[in-house]
Amino acid sequence: MKKFLILPLAALLGMAALTGCTSTSYAIHTNDGRTIISDGKPAESDAGLLAYTDANGVKQQINKTDVKSVSEVPK
């Protein structure tokens, strides 16, 4: 009887662990009025660029002087 409970319990714990691993999205607001949604937190470089991964999974960069603000998107 205990064998029948172990597999569903393990599956439930695995699903619960995976839901906690989702990445946070950020909104990058530009000076010209655009809003870019990034997958994960954008990273600043010494070259004056803000690197981010867009919604399609493509790595992009934008000049930091073109960015008005960066904010976390609430889930």
Protein backbone atom coordinates (compact mmCIF):
# COMPACT_ATOMS: atom_id res chain seq x y z
CA MET A 1 0.00 0.00 0.00
CA LYS A 2 2.83 2.40 0.79
CA LYS A 3 4.37 1.87 -2.66
CA PHE A 4 1.25 3.37 -4.25
CA LEU A 5 1.63 6.55 -2.20
CA ILE A 6 5.33 7.15 -2.86
CA LEU A 7 5.10 7.81 -6.62
CA PRO A 8 2.24 10.37 -6.47
CA LEU A 9 3.89 12.09 -3.51
CA ALA A 10 7.21 12.31 -5.36
CA ALA A 11 5.45 13.73 -8.45
CA LEU A 12 3.67 16.32 -6.31
CA LEU A 13 6.91 17.41 -4.65
CA GLY A 14 8.66 17.64 -8.02
CA MET A 15 5.92 19.86 -9.44
CA ALA A 16 6.03 22.09 -6.38
CA ALA A 17 9.80 22.49 -6.75
CA LEU A 18 9.52 23.40 -10.43
CA THR A 19 6.94 26.12 -9.84
CA GLY A 20 9.40 27.92 -7.58
CA CYS A 21 12.05 28.05 -10.33
CA THR A 22 10.29 30.45 -12.66
CA SER A 23 12.26 33.54 -13.61
CA THR A 24 11.06 37.05 -12.95
CA SER A 25 10.29 39.39 -15.84
CA TYR A 26 11.33 43.03 -15.94
CA ALA A 27 9.93 45.98 -17.87
CA ILE A 28 12.50 48.26 -19.45
CA HIS A 29 10.97 51.69 -20.15
CA THR A 30 12.86 53.72 -22.76
CA ASN A 31 13.07 57.49 -23.22
CA ASP A 32 11.15 57.27 -26.52
CA GLY A 33 8.13 55.62 -24.85
CA ARG A 34 8.75 51.95 -25.67
CA THR A 35 8.41 49.20 -23.07
CA ILE A 36 10.59 46.11 -23.46
CA ILE A 37 9.84 42.99 -21.41
CA SER A 38 12.92 41.01 -20.44
CA ASP A 39 13.09 37.43 -19.24
CA GLY A 40 15.17 37.75 -16.09
CA LYS A 41 16.97 40.73 -14.63
CA PRO A 42 18.88 42.91 -17.11
CA ALA A 43 22.63 43.17 -16.51
CA GLU A 44 24.60 46.42 -16.77
CA SER A 45 27.98 46.40 -18.49
CA ASP A 46 30.97 48.74 -18.16
CA ALA A 47 30.55 49.68 -21.83
CA GLY A 48 27.36 51.60 -21.05
CA LEU A 49 24.96 48.91 -22.26
CA LEU A 50 22.08 47.08 -20.60
CA ALA A 51 21.99 43.41 -21.63
CA TYR A 52 18.74 41.44 -21.43
CA THR A 53 16.99 38.40 -22.90
CA ASP A 54 13.80 39.27 -24.76
CA ALA A 55 10.51 37.33 -24.76
CA ASN A 56 11.71 35.19 -27.69
CA GLY A 57 14.85 34.10 -25.83
CA VAL A 58 17.19 36.27 -27.90
CA LYS A 59 19.94 38.16 -26.07
CA GLN A 60 19.71 41.91 -26.74
CA GLN A 61 21.52 45.07 -25.62
CA ILE A 62 20.36 48.66 -25.29
CA ASN A 63 22.30 51.79 -24.49
CA LYS A 64 21.80 52.76 -20.83
CA THR A 65 21.29 56.40 -21.81
CA ASP A 66 18.17 55.32 -23.76
CA VAL A 67 16.64 53.67 -20.67
CA LYS A 68 14.30 55.70 -18.48
CA SER A 69 13.61 53.03 -15.84
CA VAL A 70 13.63 49.30 -15.15
CA SER A 71 10.96 47.72 -12.98
CA GLU A 72 9.97 44.20 -11.96
CA VAL A 73 6.75 42.95 -13.56
CA PRO A 74 4.35 41.70 -10.87
CA LYS A 75 3.05 38.18 -11.39
